PDB file of all heavy atoms in Angstrom:
ATOM      1  N   VAL A   1     211.879 -47.181  -9.678  1.00  0.00           N
ATOM      2  CA  VAL A   1     211.405 -48.567  -9.595  1.00  0.00           C
ATOM      3  C   VAL A   1     209.886 -48.617  -9.459  1.00  0.00           C
ATOM      4  O   VAL A   1     209.223 -49.444 -10.107  1.00  0.00           O
ATOM      5  CB  VAL A   1     212.098 -49.296  -8.434  1.00  0.00           C
ATOM      6  CG1 VAL A   1     211.456 -50.658  -8.189  1.00  0.00           C
ATOM      7  CG2 VAL A   1     213.588 -49.461  -8.733  1.00  0.00           C
ATOM      8  N   ARG A   2     209.325 -47.726  -8.652  1.00  0.00           N
ATOM      9  CA  ARG A   2     207.864 -47.708  -8.498  1.00  0.00           C
ATOM     10  C   ARG A   2     207.187 -47.371  -9.825  1.00  0.00           C
ATOM     11  O   ARG A   2     206.150 -47.944 -10.176  1.00  0.00           O
ATOM     12  CB  ARG A   2     207.470 -46.689  -7.422  1.00  0.00           C
ATOM     13  CG  ARG A   2     207.814 -47.104  -5.990  1.00  0.00           C
ATOM     14  CD  ARG A   2     206.840 -48.151  -5.436  1.00  0.00           C
ATOM     15  NE  ARG A   2     205.466 -47.691  -5.441  1.00  0.00           N
ATOM     16  CZ  ARG A   2     204.923 -46.902  -4.516  1.00  0.00           C
ATOM     17  NH1 ARG A   2     205.666 -46.471  -3.478  1.00  0.00           N
ATOM     18  NH2 ARG A   2     203.656 -46.547  -4.588  1.00  0.00           N
ATOM     19  N   ALA A   3     207.752 -46.431 -10.568  1.00  0.00           N
ATOM     20  CA  ALA A   3     207.180 -46.070 -11.871  1.00  0.00           C
ATOM     21  C   ALA A   3     207.273 -47.237 -12.846  1.00  0.00           C
ATOM     22  O   ALA A   3     206.330 -47.519 -13.593  1.00  0.00           O
ATOM     23  CB  ALA A   3     207.896 -44.840 -12.429  1.00  0.00           C
ATOM     24  N   ALA A   4     208.423 -47.933 -12.842  1.00  0.00           N
ATOM     25  CA  ALA A   4     208.587 -49.091 -13.729  1.00  0.00           C
ATOM     26  C   ALA A   4     207.607 -50.202 -13.370  1.00  0.00           C
ATOM     27  O   ALA A   4     207.026 -50.847 -14.264  1.00  0.00           O
ATOM     28  CB  ALA A   4     210.025 -49.601 -13.647  1.00  0.00           C
ATOM     29  N   ASN A   5     207.400 -50.424 -12.087  1.00  0.00           N
ATOM     30  CA  ASN A   5     206.449 -51.462 -11.667  1.00  0.00           C
ATOM     31  C   ASN A   5     205.015 -51.105 -12.034  1.00  0.00           C
ATOM     32  O   ASN A   5     204.191 -51.992 -12.288  1.00  0.00           O
ATOM     33  CB  ASN A   5     206.577 -51.706 -10.165  1.00  0.00           C
ATOM     34  CG  ASN A   5     207.707 -52.669  -9.833  1.00  0.00           C
ATOM     35  OD1 ASN A   5     207.918 -53.653 -10.547  1.00  0.00           O
ATOM     36  ND2 ASN A   5     208.431 -52.398  -8.751  1.00  0.00           N
ATOM     37  N   ALA A   6     204.713 -49.816 -12.079  1.00  0.00           N
ATOM     38  CA  ALA A   6     203.373 -49.397 -12.501  1.00  0.00           C
ATOM     39  C   ALA A   6     203.143 -49.770 -13.968  1.00  0.00           C
ATOM     40  O   ALA A   6     202.047 -50.206 -14.350  1.00  0.00           O
ATOM     41  CB  ALA A   6     203.209 -47.891 -12.305  1.00  0.00           C
ATOM     42  N   VAL A   7     204.165 -49.612 -14.786  1.00  0.00           N
ATOM     43  CA  VAL A   7     204.057 -50.009 -16.194  1.00  0.00           C
ATOM     44  C   VAL A   7     203.929 -51.524 -16.298  1.00  0.00           C
ATOM     45  O   VAL A   7     203.109 -52.041 -17.057  1.00  0.00           O
ATOM     46  CB  VAL A   7     205.275 -49.501 -16.994  1.00  0.00           C
ATOM     47  CG1 VAL A   7     205.212 -49.999 -18.439  1.00  0.00           C
ATOM     48  CG2 VAL A   7     205.329 -47.978 -16.967  1.00  0.00           C
ATOM     49  N   LYS A   8     204.735 -52.227 -15.536  1.00  0.00           N
ATOM     50  CA  LYS A   8     204.674 -53.697 -15.540  1.00  0.00           C
ATOM     51  C   LYS A   8     203.278 -54.199 -15.162  1.00  0.00           C
ATOM     52  O   LYS A   8     202.764 -55.150 -15.752  1.00  0.00           O
ATOM     53  CB  LYS A   8     205.705 -54.253 -14.560  1.00  0.00           C
ATOM     54  CG  LYS A   8     205.695 -55.773 -14.436  1.00  0.00           C
ATOM     55  CD  LYS A   8     206.698 -56.248 -13.389  1.00  0.00           C
ATOM     56  CE  LYS A   8     206.667 -57.763 -13.245  1.00  0.00           C
ATOM     57  NZ  LYS A   8     207.637 -58.223 -12.208  1.00  0.00           N
ATOM     58  N   ALA A   9     202.659 -53.529 -14.193  1.00  0.00           N
ATOM     59  CA  ALA A   9     201.340 -53.949 -13.702  1.00  0.00           C
ATOM     60  C   ALA A   9     200.199 -53.477 -14.594  1.00  0.00           C
ATOM     61  O   ALA A   9     199.031 -53.797 -14.329  1.00  0.00           O
ATOM     62  CB  ALA A   9     201.128 -53.432 -12.283  1.00  0.00           C
ATOM     63  N   GLY A  10     200.498 -52.707 -15.638  1.00  0.00           N
ATOM     64  CA  GLY A  10     199.458 -52.205 -16.517  1.00  0.00           C
ATOM     65  C   GLY A  10     198.761 -50.968 -15.997  1.00  0.00           C
ATOM     66  O   GLY A  10     197.733 -50.542 -16.541  1.00  0.00           O
ATOM     67  N   GLU A  11     199.318 -50.353 -14.950  1.00  0.00           N
ATOM     68  CA  GLU A  11     198.725 -49.147 -14.391  1.00  0.00           C
ATOM     69  C   GLU A  11     199.143 -47.899 -15.158  1.00  0.00           C
ATOM     70  O   GLU A  11     198.582 -46.820 -14.952  1.00  0.00           O
ATOM     71  CB  GLU A  11     199.126 -49.009 -12.917  1.00  0.00           C
ATOM     72  CG  GLU A  11     198.622 -50.159 -12.049  1.00  0.00           C
ATOM     73  CD  GLU A  11     199.279 -50.193 -10.682  1.00  0.00           C
ATOM     74  OE1 GLU A  11     200.122 -49.312 -10.418  1.00  0.00           O
ATOM     75  OE2 GLU A  11     198.961 -51.106  -9.891  1.00  0.00           O
ATOM     76  N   ALA A  12     200.151 -48.038 -16.010  1.00  0.00           N
ATOM     77  CA  ALA A  12     200.609 -46.943 -16.870  1.00  0.00           C
ATOM     78  C   ALA A  12     201.040 -47.535 -18.197  1.00  0.00           C
ATOM     79  O   ALA A  12     201.378 -48.721 -18.294  1.00  0.00           O
ATOM     80  CB  ALA A  12     201.744 -46.172 -16.209  1.00  0.00           C
ATOM     81  N   ASP A  13     201.034 -46.707 -19.242  1.00  0.00           N
ATOM     82  CA  ASP A  13     201.342 -47.177 -20.598  1.00  0.00           C
ATOM     83  C   ASP A  13     202.794 -46.976 -20.979  1.00  0.00           C
ATOM     84  O   ASP A  13     203.276 -47.577 -21.945  1.00  0.00           O
ATOM     85  CB  ASP A  13     200.468 -46.431 -21.610  1.00  0.00           C
ATOM     86  CG  ASP A  13     198.988 -46.615 -21.324  1.00  0.00           C
ATOM     87  OD1 ASP A  13     198.543 -47.774 -21.307  1.00  0.00           O
ATOM     88  OD2 ASP A  13     198.293 -45.609 -21.096  1.00  0.00           O
ATOM     89  N   ALA A  14     203.513 -46.114 -20.256  1.00  0.00           N
ATOM     90  CA  ALA A  14     204.891 -45.798 -20.624  1.00  0.00           C
ATOM     91  C   ALA A  14     205.633 -45.292 -19.401  1.00  0.00           C
ATOM     92  O   ALA A  14     205.029 -44.866 -18.411  1.00  0.00           O
ATOM     93  CB  ALA A  14     204.921 -44.746 -21.738  1.00  0.00           C
ATOM     94  N   LEU A  15     206.965 -45.330 -19.487  1.00  0.00           N
ATOM     95  CA  LEU A  15     207.830 -44.917 -18.393  1.00  0.00           C
ATOM     96  C   LEU A  15     208.786 -43.837 -18.873  1.00  0.00           C
ATOM     97  O   LEU A  15     209.389 -43.958 -19.946  1.00  0.00           O
ATOM     98  CB  LEU A  15     208.628 -46.129 -17.890  1.00  0.00           C
ATOM     99  CG  LEU A  15     209.771 -45.892 -16.898  1.00  0.00           C
ATOM    100  CD1 LEU A  15     209.251 -45.275 -15.600  1.00  0.00           C
ATOM    101  CD2 LEU A  15     210.492 -47.205 -16.610  1.00  0.00           C
ATOM    102  N   PHE A  16     208.946 -42.787 -18.057  1.00  0.00           N
ATOM    103  CA  PHE A  16     209.854 -41.691 -18.377  1.00  0.00           C
ATOM    104  C   PHE A  16     210.778 -41.418 -17.204  1.00  0.00           C
ATOM    105  O   PHE A  16     210.352 -41.422 -16.044  1.00  0.00           O
ATOM    106  CB  PHE A  16     209.079 -40.411 -18.689  1.00  0.00           C
ATOM    107  CG  PHE A  16     209.954 -39.174 -18.694  1.00  0.00           C
ATOM    108  CD1 PHE A  16     210.641 -38.802 -19.833  1.00  0.00           C
ATOM    109  CD2 PHE A  16     210.114 -38.412 -17.537  1.00  0.00           C
ATOM    110  CE1 PHE A  16     211.468 -37.680 -19.830  1.00  0.00           C
ATOM    111  CE2 PHE A  16     210.931 -37.289 -17.529  1.00  0.00           C
ATOM    112  CZ  PHE A  16     211.615 -36.921 -18.682  1.00  0.00           C
ATOM    113  N   SER A  17     212.063 -41.133 -17.514  1.00  0.00           N
ATOM    114  CA  SER A  17     213.009 -40.716 -16.485  1.00  0.00           C
ATOM    115  C   SER A  17     214.130 -39.897 -17.106  1.00  0.00           C
ATOM    116  O   SER A  17     214.489 -40.097 -18.272  1.00  0.00           O
ATOM    117  CB  SER A  17     213.606 -41.933 -15.767  1.00  0.00           C
ATOM    118  OG  SER A  17     214.564 -41.528 -14.795  1.00  0.00           O
ATOM    119  N   ALA A  18     214.684 -38.984 -16.322  1.00  0.00           N
ATOM    120  CA  ALA A  18     215.903 -38.266 -16.702  1.00  0.00           C
ATOM    121  C   ALA A  18     217.044 -38.680 -15.788  1.00  0.00           C
ATOM    122  O   ALA A  18     218.080 -38.035 -15.759  1.00  0.00           O
ATOM    123  CB  ALA A  18     215.674 -36.755 -16.616  1.00  0.00           C
ATOM    124  N   GLY A  19     216.845 -39.782 -15.052  1.00  0.00           N
ATOM    125  CA  GLY A  19     217.789 -40.199 -14.035  1.00  0.00           C
ATOM    126  C   GLY A  19     218.875 -41.138 -14.524  1.00  0.00           C
ATOM    127  O   GLY A  19     219.240 -41.146 -15.707  1.00  0.00           O
ATOM    128  N   ASN A  20     219.365 -41.966 -13.617  1.00  0.00           N
ATOM    129  CA  ASN A  20     220.456 -42.911 -13.844  1.00  0.00           C
ATOM    130  C   ASN A  20     220.135 -43.822 -15.040  1.00  0.00           C
ATOM    131  O   ASN A  20     219.216 -44.629 -14.983  1.00  0.00           O
ATOM    132  CB  ASN A  20     220.650 -43.729 -12.566  1.00  0.00           C
ATOM    133  CG  ASN A  20     221.825 -44.664 -12.623  1.00  0.00           C
ATOM    134  OD1 ASN A  20     222.011 -45.403 -13.580  1.00  0.00           O
ATOM    135  ND2 ASN A  20     222.617 -44.659 -11.564  1.00  0.00           N
ATOM    136  N   THR A  21     220.920 -43.692 -16.117  1.00  0.00           N
ATOM    137  CA  THR A  21     220.629 -44.439 -17.350  1.00  0.00           C
ATOM    138  C   THR A  21     220.717 -45.943 -17.127  1.00  0.00           C
ATOM    139  O   THR A  21     219.850 -46.702 -17.575  1.00  0.00           O
ATOM    140  CB  THR A  21     221.602 -44.028 -18.466  1.00  0.00           C
ATOM    141  OG1 THR A  21     221.498 -42.623 -18.695  1.00  0.00           O
ATOM    142  CG2 THR A  21     221.274 -44.761 -19.764  1.00  0.00           C
ATOM    143  N   GLY A  22     221.763 -46.383 -16.429  1.00  0.00           N
ATOM    144  CA  GLY A  22     221.928 -47.815 -16.191  1.00  0.00           C
ATOM    145  C   GLY A  22     220.790 -48.391 -15.375  1.00  0.00           C
ATOM    146  O   GLY A  22     220.303 -49.496 -15.655  1.00  0.00           O
ATOM    147  N   ALA A  23     220.348 -47.652 -14.354  1.00  0.00           N
ATOM    148  CA  ALA A  23     219.236 -48.127 -13.529  1.00  0.00           C
ATOM    149  C   ALA A  23     217.940 -48.185 -14.334  1.00  0.00           C
ATOM    150  O   ALA A  23     217.119 -49.092 -14.153  1.00  0.00           O
ATOM    151  CB  ALA A  23     219.069 -47.224 -12.314  1.00  0.00           C
ATOM    152  N   LEU A  24     217.753 -47.210 -15.234  1.00  0.00           N
ATOM    153  CA  LEU A  24     216.555 -47.227 -16.072  1.00  0.00           C
ATOM    154  C   LEU A  24     216.600 -48.408 -17.038  1.00  0.00           C
ATOM    155  O   LEU A  24     215.582 -49.071 -17.265  1.00  0.00           O
ATOM    156  CB  LEU A  24     216.417 -45.915 -16.841  1.00  0.00           C
ATOM    157  CG  LEU A  24     215.127 -45.785 -17.657  1.00  0.00           C
ATOM    158  CD1 LEU A  24     213.902 -45.783 -16.746  1.00  0.00           C
ATOM    159  CD2 LEU A  24     215.139 -44.518 -18.519  1.00  0.00           C
ATOM    160  N   LEU A  25     217.759 -48.686 -17.615  1.00  0.00           N
ATOM    161  CA  LEU A  25     217.906 -49.854 -18.477  1.00  0.00           C
ATOM    162  C   LEU A  25     217.586 -51.132 -17.714  1.00  0.00           C
ATOM    163  O   LEU A  25     216.852 -51.997 -18.205  1.00  0.00           O
ATOM    164  CB  LEU A  25     219.330 -49.924 -19.034  1.00  0.00           C
ATOM    165  CG  LEU A  25     219.653 -49.005 -20.201  1.00  0.00           C
ATOM    166  CD1 LEU A  25     221.163 -48.885 -20.391  1.00  0.00           C
ATOM    167  CD2 LEU A  25     219.005 -49.523 -21.483  1.00  0.00           C
ATOM    168  N   SER A  26     218.118 -51.247 -16.506  1.00  0.00           N
ATOM    169  CA  SER A  26     217.850 -52.429 -15.683  1.00  0.00           C
ATOM    170  C   SER A  26     216.364 -52.544 -15.362  1.00  0.00           C
ATOM    171  O   SER A  26     215.778 -53.632 -15.427  1.00  0.00           O
ATOM    172  CB  SER A  26     218.667 -52.365 -14.381  1.00  0.00           C
ATOM    173  OG  SER A  26     220.053 -52.355 -14.663  1.00  0.00           O
ATOM    174  N   SER A  27     215.741 -51.431 -15.021  1.00  0.00           N
ATOM    175  CA  SER A  27     214.307 -51.441 -14.719  1.00  0.00           C
ATOM    176  C   SER A  27     213.489 -51.822 -15.938  1.00  0.00           C
ATOM    177  O   SER A  27     212.505 -52.574 -15.838  1.00  0.00           O
ATOM    178  CB  SER A  27     213.873 -50.061 -14.210  1.00  0.00           C
ATOM    179  OG  SER A  27     214.554 -49.715 -13.020  1.00  0.00           O
ATOM    180  N   ALA A  28     213.898 -51.322 -17.103  1.00  0.00           N
ATOM    181  CA  ALA A  28     213.175 -51.641 -18.335  1.00  0.00           C
ATOM    182  C   ALA A  28     213.276 -53.125 -18.660  1.00  0.00           C
ATOM    183  O   ALA A  28     212.281 -53.773 -19.013  1.00  0.00           O
ATOM    184  CB  ALA A  28     213.730 -50.810 -19.491  1.00  0.00           C
TER     185      ALA A  28
END
């Protein structure tokens, strides 16, 4: 969630994870 929020805030250009697929979809 912290990584996804960094992308949302413009602090990062992309998000990567090897974790929970459903949670990553929800975060995206």
